[in-house]
């Protein structure tokens, strides 16, 4: 992405920026050093943008997956007529961490309060 924008910036500088009235005393150097300067400037700019958008995307996927848990027919309890309810969007991560399920000698699961 930074490479593409650096190339676009080069063509913009050649075609548009030279005709701008407010840029009369600017010297243009189309060299490798100028290209690398622009390239690393874009890298620094995108350093903050991409992780933020990635975080938003991951949170949106977790939120939507909580609805898939709600809609799952195999997680429906027919006796009490209740579907599964995801109270948090982190439920998939929490379920993935369960290694052992403890029960008493009768086989019933207990809840710590």
N, C-alpha and C. Protein backbone atom coordinates (compact mmCIF):
# COMPACT_ATOMS: atom_id res chain seq x y z
N UNK A 1 0.83 -1.20 0.00
CA UNK A 1 0.00 0.00 0.00
C UNK A 1 0.87 1.26 0.00
N UNK A 2 1.92 1.23 0.79
CA UNK A 2 2.82 2.38 0.83
C UNK A 2 3.53 2.58 -0.51
N UNK A 3 3.88 1.48 -1.16
CA UNK A 3 4.54 1.58 -2.47
C UNK A 3 3.61 2.19 -3.51
N UNK A 4 2.38 1.73 -3.53
CA UNK A 4 1.40 2.26 -4.49
C UNK A 4 1.17 3.75 -4.25
N UNK A 5 1.01 4.13 -3.00
CA UNK A 5 0.78 5.54 -2.70
C UNK A 5 2.01 6.40 -2.96
N UNK A 6 3.19 5.84 -2.81
CA UNK A 6 4.40 6.59 -3.14
C UNK A 6 4.47 6.86 -4.64
N UNK A 7 4.11 5.88 -5.45
CA UNK A 7 4.09 6.07 -6.91
C UNK A 7 3.02 7.08 -7.30
N UNK A 8 1.85 6.98 -6.69
CA UNK A 8 0.78 7.95 -6.97
C UNK A 8 1.21 9.35 -6.56
N UNK A 9 1.89 9.46 -5.44
CA UNK A 9 2.36 10.77 -4.98
C UNK A 9 3.38 11.35 -5.94
N UNK A 10 4.22 10.51 -6.52
CA UNK A 10 5.20 10.97 -7.50
C UNK A 10 4.49 11.57 -8.72
N UNK A 11 3.49 10.86 -9.25
CA UNK A 11 2.78 11.37 -10.42
C UNK A 11 1.95 12.60 -10.07
N UNK A 12 1.41 12.65 -8.89
CA UNK A 12 0.67 13.84 -8.47
C UNK A 12 1.60 15.05 -8.38
N UNK A 13 2.79 14.81 -7.84
CA UNK A 13 3.77 15.89 -7.72
C UNK A 13 4.17 16.42 -9.10
N UNK A 14 4.33 15.52 -10.06
CA UNK A 14 4.73 15.93 -11.40
C UNK A 14 3.62 16.70 -12.10
N UNK A 15 2.38 16.23 -11.98
CA UNK A 15 1.30 16.80 -12.76
C UNK A 15 0.57 17.95 -12.06
N UNK A 16 0.32 17.85 -10.80
CA UNK A 16 -0.53 18.82 -10.12
C UNK A 16 0.28 19.80 -9.27
N UNK A 17 1.19 19.30 -8.50
CA UNK A 17 1.87 20.13 -7.51
C UNK A 17 2.74 21.21 -8.16
N UNK A 18 3.28 20.96 -9.32
CA UNK A 18 4.12 21.96 -10.00
C UNK A 18 3.30 23.16 -10.47
N UNK A 19 2.01 22.95 -10.70
CA UNK A 19 1.16 24.04 -11.18
C UNK A 19 0.51 24.82 -10.04
N UNK A 20 0.70 24.38 -8.80
CA UNK A 20 0.07 25.06 -7.68
C UNK A 20 0.75 26.40 -7.43
N UNK A 21 -0.05 27.43 -7.24
CA UNK A 21 0.49 28.77 -7.08
C UNK A 21 1.20 28.95 -5.74
N UNK A 22 0.80 28.21 -4.75
CA UNK A 22 1.42 28.36 -3.43
C UNK A 22 2.74 27.60 -3.33
N UNK A 23 3.14 26.86 -4.34
CA UNK A 23 4.39 26.08 -4.31
C UNK A 23 5.37 26.62 -5.36
N UNK A 24 5.66 27.89 -5.35
CA UNK A 24 6.49 28.48 -6.40
C UNK A 24 7.98 28.29 -6.17
N UNK A 25 8.45 28.29 -4.95
CA UNK A 25 9.89 28.23 -4.68
C UNK A 25 10.34 26.85 -4.20
N UNK A 26 9.68 25.81 -4.62
CA UNK A 26 10.00 24.47 -4.17
C UNK A 26 10.84 23.77 -5.23
N UNK A 27 11.90 23.13 -4.80
CA UNK A 27 12.70 22.34 -5.73
C UNK A 27 12.29 20.87 -5.60
N UNK A 28 12.19 20.20 -6.72
CA UNK A 28 11.77 18.80 -6.74
C UNK A 28 12.97 17.93 -7.05
N UNK A 29 13.15 16.92 -6.25
CA UNK A 29 14.24 15.98 -6.51
C UNK A 29 13.64 14.60 -6.68
N UNK A 30 13.62 14.12 -7.90
CA UNK A 30 13.09 12.79 -8.18
C UNK A 30 14.26 11.81 -8.15
N UNK A 31 14.59 11.38 -6.95
CA UNK A 31 15.71 10.47 -6.78
C UNK A 31 15.28 9.31 -5.90
N UNK A 32 16.17 8.39 -5.72
CA UNK A 32 15.90 7.24 -4.85
C UNK A 32 15.70 7.71 -3.40
N UNK A 33 16.47 8.71 -2.99
CA UNK A 33 16.33 9.22 -1.63
C UNK A 33 14.96 9.84 -1.42
N UNK A 34 14.45 10.57 -2.41
CA UNK A 34 13.10 11.14 -2.31
C UNK A 34 12.03 10.07 -2.28
N UNK A 35 12.22 9.04 -3.12
CA UNK A 35 11.27 7.92 -3.13
C UNK A 35 11.25 7.22 -1.78
N UNK A 36 12.43 6.95 -1.23
CA UNK A 36 12.49 6.26 0.06
C UNK A 36 11.94 7.13 1.18
N UNK A 37 12.18 8.43 1.10
CA UNK A 37 11.62 9.34 2.09
C UNK A 37 10.09 9.29 2.08
N UNK A 38 9.50 9.37 0.89
CA UNK A 38 8.04 9.29 0.77
C UNK A 38 7.52 7.92 1.20
N UNK A 39 8.22 6.87 0.79
CA UNK A 39 7.80 5.51 1.14
C UNK A 39 7.76 5.31 2.65
N UNK A 40 8.84 5.69 3.34
CA UNK A 40 8.87 5.50 4.79
C UNK A 40 7.93 6.46 5.52
N UNK A 41 7.63 7.60 4.91
CA UNK A 41 6.61 8.49 5.49
C UNK A 41 5.25 7.81 5.48
N UNK A 42 4.92 7.13 4.38
CA UNK A 42 3.66 6.40 4.33
C UNK A 42 3.65 5.22 5.29
N UNK A 43 4.79 4.55 5.45
CA UNK A 43 4.88 3.44 6.41
C UNK A 43 4.58 3.94 7.82
N UNK A 44 5.15 5.07 8.19
CA UNK A 44 4.92 5.64 9.52
C UNK A 44 3.46 6.03 9.69
N UNK A 45 2.85 6.60 8.65
CA UNK A 45 1.44 6.98 8.73
C UNK A 45 0.54 5.77 8.90
N UNK A 46 0.80 4.71 8.15
CA UNK A 46 -0.04 3.52 8.22
C UNK A 46 0.25 2.67 9.45
N UNK A 47 1.31 2.96 10.15
CA UNK A 47 1.64 2.21 11.35
C UNK A 47 0.53 2.29 12.39
N UNK A 48 -0.19 3.39 12.43
CA UNK A 48 -1.27 3.56 13.40
C UNK A 48 -2.63 3.23 12.82
N UNK A 49 -2.80 3.42 11.53
CA UNK A 49 -4.11 3.23 10.93
C UNK A 49 -4.48 1.76 10.82
N UNK A 50 -3.58 0.92 10.38
CA UNK A 50 -3.89 -0.48 10.15
C UNK A 50 -4.21 -1.23 11.44
N UNK A 51 -3.45 -1.08 12.54
CA UNK A 51 -3.84 -1.79 13.76
C UNK A 51 -5.20 -1.35 14.31
N UNK A 52 -5.54 -0.08 14.17
CA UNK A 52 -6.84 0.37 14.67
C UNK A 52 -7.96 -0.25 13.84
N UNK A 53 -7.83 -0.26 12.52
CA UNK A 53 -8.87 -0.85 11.69
C UNK A 53 -8.94 -2.36 11.89
N UNK A 54 -7.80 -3.00 12.13
CA UNK A 54 -7.79 -4.43 12.40
C UNK A 54 -8.50 -4.73 13.71
N UNK A 55 -8.28 -3.91 14.73
CA UNK A 55 -8.95 -4.09 16.02
C UNK A 55 -10.47 -3.94 15.86
N UNK A 56 -10.90 -2.95 15.10
CA UNK A 56 -12.34 -2.75 14.87
C UNK A 56 -12.93 -3.94 14.13
N UNK A 57 -12.21 -4.46 13.14
CA UNK A 57 -12.69 -5.61 12.37
C UNK A 57 -12.81 -6.85 13.25
N UNK A 58 -11.82 -7.10 14.10
CA UNK A 58 -11.87 -8.27 14.99
C UNK A 58 -13.03 -8.15 15.96
N UNK A 59 -13.27 -6.97 16.50
CA UNK A 59 -14.40 -6.78 17.42
C UNK A 59 -15.73 -6.98 16.70
N UNK A 60 -15.82 -6.54 15.45
CA UNK A 60 -17.06 -6.74 14.69
C UNK A 60 -17.30 -8.23 14.43
N UNK A 61 -16.24 -8.98 14.13
CA UNK A 61 -16.38 -10.42 13.90
C UNK A 61 -16.81 -11.12 15.19
N UNK A 62 -16.26 -10.72 16.32
CA UNK A 62 -16.67 -11.32 17.60
C UNK A 62 -18.14 -11.02 17.89
N UNK A 63 -18.56 -9.80 17.59
CA UNK A 63 -19.95 -9.41 17.84
C UNK A 63 -20.90 -10.23 16.97
N UNK A 64 -20.56 -10.41 15.70
CA UNK A 64 -21.41 -11.19 14.80
C UNK A 64 -21.41 -12.66 15.20
N UNK A 65 -20.26 -13.18 15.66
CA UNK A 65 -20.22 -14.58 16.07
C UNK A 65 -21.08 -14.84 17.30
N UNK A 66 -21.29 -13.82 18.14
CA UNK A 66 -22.20 -14.01 19.27
C UNK A 66 -23.63 -14.24 18.79
N UNK A 67 -24.00 -13.65 17.65
CA UNK A 67 -25.32 -13.92 17.08
C UNK A 67 -25.40 -15.33 16.51
N UNK A 68 -24.30 -15.85 15.96
CA UNK A 68 -24.30 -17.23 15.47
C UNK A 68 -24.49 -18.21 16.62
N UNK A 69 -23.95 -17.89 17.78
CA UNK A 69 -24.18 -18.73 18.96
C UNK A 69 -25.66 -18.70 19.32
N UNK A 70 -26.26 -17.55 19.25
CA UNK A 70 -27.69 -17.41 19.58
C UNK A 70 -28.57 -18.18 18.59
N UNK A 71 -28.18 -18.19 17.33
CA UNK A 71 -28.99 -18.84 16.30
C UNK A 71 -28.72 -20.33 16.16
N UNK A 72 -27.74 -20.87 16.86
CA UNK A 72 -27.37 -22.28 16.73
C UNK A 72 -28.47 -23.16 17.31
N UNK A 73 -29.07 -24.00 16.49
CA UNK A 73 -30.17 -24.85 16.94
C UNK A 73 -29.71 -25.97 17.84
N UNK A 74 -28.47 -26.38 17.74
CA UNK A 74 -27.96 -27.45 18.60
C UNK A 74 -27.71 -26.95 20.03
N UNK A 75 -27.70 -25.66 20.23
CA UNK A 75 -27.52 -25.10 21.56
C UNK A 75 -28.85 -24.66 22.17
N UNK A 76 -29.95 -25.10 21.59
CA UNK A 76 -31.29 -24.78 22.07
C UNK A 76 -31.71 -25.81 23.12
N UNK A 77 -32.23 -25.35 24.25
CA UNK A 77 -32.69 -26.24 25.31
C UNK A 77 -34.21 -26.33 25.22
N UNK A 78 -34.70 -27.49 24.76
CA UNK A 78 -36.13 -27.65 24.48
C UNK A 78 -36.98 -27.67 25.74
N UNK A 79 -36.46 -28.23 26.84
CA UNK A 79 -37.28 -28.34 28.06
C UNK A 79 -37.64 -26.98 28.64
N UNK A 80 -36.70 -26.07 28.63
CA UNK A 80 -36.99 -24.75 29.18
C UNK A 80 -37.32 -23.73 28.09
N UNK A 81 -37.29 -24.16 26.84
CA UNK A 81 -37.61 -23.33 25.70
C UNK A 81 -36.73 -22.07 25.66
N UNK A 82 -35.42 -22.27 25.85
CA UNK A 82 -34.49 -21.14 25.83
C UNK A 82 -33.35 -21.42 24.85
N UNK A 83 -33.05 -20.44 24.01
CA UNK A 83 -31.86 -20.58 23.14
C UNK A 83 -30.61 -20.17 23.92
N UNK A 84 -29.48 -20.43 23.33
CA UNK A 84 -28.22 -19.98 23.94
C UNK A 84 -28.18 -18.46 23.91
N UNK A 85 -27.61 -17.88 24.95
CA UNK A 85 -27.53 -16.43 25.03
C UNK A 85 -26.09 -16.03 25.28
N UNK A 86 -25.52 -15.29 24.36
CA UNK A 86 -24.15 -14.81 24.51
C UNK A 86 -24.20 -13.41 25.11
N UNK A 87 -23.81 -13.29 26.38
CA UNK A 87 -23.83 -11.99 27.05
C UNK A 87 -22.60 -11.15 26.74
N UNK A 88 -21.59 -11.75 26.17
CA UNK A 88 -20.38 -11.03 25.84
C UNK A 88 -19.89 -11.47 24.46
N UNK A 89 -19.19 -10.58 23.79
CA UNK A 89 -18.68 -10.93 22.47
C UNK A 89 -17.41 -11.77 22.57
N UNK A 90 -16.83 -11.90 23.75
CA UNK A 90 -15.61 -12.69 23.95
C UNK A 90 -15.91 -14.15 24.29
N UNK A 91 -17.13 -14.58 24.10
CA UNK A 91 -17.52 -15.92 24.51
C UNK A 91 -16.75 -17.00 23.75
N UNK A 92 -16.48 -16.80 22.47
CA UNK A 92 -15.72 -17.80 21.70
C UNK A 92 -14.34 -18.00 22.27
N UNK A 93 -13.69 -16.93 22.68
CA UNK A 93 -12.35 -17.05 23.25
C UNK A 93 -12.40 -17.74 24.61
N UNK A 94 -13.42 -17.43 25.39
CA UNK A 94 -13.53 -18.05 26.71
C UNK A 94 -13.86 -19.54 26.59
N UNK A 95 -14.69 -19.91 25.64
CA UNK A 95 -15.02 -21.33 25.46
C UNK A 95 -13.81 -22.11 24.96
N UNK A 96 -12.94 -21.49 24.21
CA UNK A 96 -11.76 -22.16 23.72
C UNK A 96 -10.73 -22.43 24.80
N UNK A 97 -10.86 -21.80 25.96
CA UNK A 97 -9.90 -21.98 27.03
C UNK A 97 -10.31 -23.07 28.01
N UNK A 98 -11.51 -23.61 27.89
CA UNK A 98 -11.98 -24.63 28.82
C UNK A 98 -11.27 -25.94 28.50
N UNK A 99 -10.55 -26.49 29.49
CA UNK A 99 -9.88 -27.77 29.31
C UNK A 99 -10.56 -28.88 30.08
N UNK A 100 -11.03 -28.58 31.28
CA UNK A 100 -11.64 -29.59 32.13
C UNK A 100 -12.99 -29.10 32.63
N UNK A 101 -13.95 -29.99 32.67
CA UNK A 101 -15.26 -29.71 33.26
C UNK A 101 -15.41 -30.63 34.46
N UNK A 102 -15.58 -30.03 35.64
CA UNK A 102 -15.67 -30.81 36.86
C UNK A 102 -17.14 -31.02 37.24
N UNK A 103 -17.43 -32.20 37.76
CA UNK A 103 -18.77 -32.50 38.24
C UNK A 103 -18.63 -33.35 39.50
N UNK A 104 -19.73 -33.44 40.23
CA UNK A 104 -19.68 -34.27 41.45
C UNK A 104 -19.92 -35.73 41.07
N UNK A 105 -20.03 -36.61 42.08
CA UNK A 105 -20.11 -38.05 41.79
C UNK A 105 -21.42 -38.45 41.12
N UNK A 106 -22.44 -37.60 41.19
CA UNK A 106 -23.69 -37.92 40.50
C UNK A 106 -23.67 -37.48 39.03
N UNK A 107 -22.65 -36.73 38.66
CA UNK A 107 -22.56 -36.30 37.26
C UNK A 107 -23.17 -34.95 36.99
N UNK A 108 -23.63 -34.26 38.03
CA UNK A 108 -24.23 -32.94 37.82
C UNK A 108 -23.14 -31.86 37.91
N UNK A 109 -23.29 -30.88 37.09
CA UNK A 109 -22.35 -29.76 37.10
C UNK A 109 -22.77 -28.78 38.19
N UNK A 110 -21.81 -28.24 38.89
CA UNK A 110 -22.11 -27.28 39.95
C UNK A 110 -21.60 -25.91 39.55
N UNK A 111 -22.15 -24.90 40.16
CA UNK A 111 -21.77 -23.53 39.87
C UNK A 111 -21.19 -22.90 41.13
N UNK A 112 -20.04 -22.30 41.02
CA UNK A 112 -19.45 -21.61 42.16
C UNK A 112 -20.10 -20.25 42.30
N UNK A 113 -20.51 -19.94 43.52
CA UNK A 113 -21.16 -18.63 43.76
C UNK A 113 -20.43 -17.88 44.83
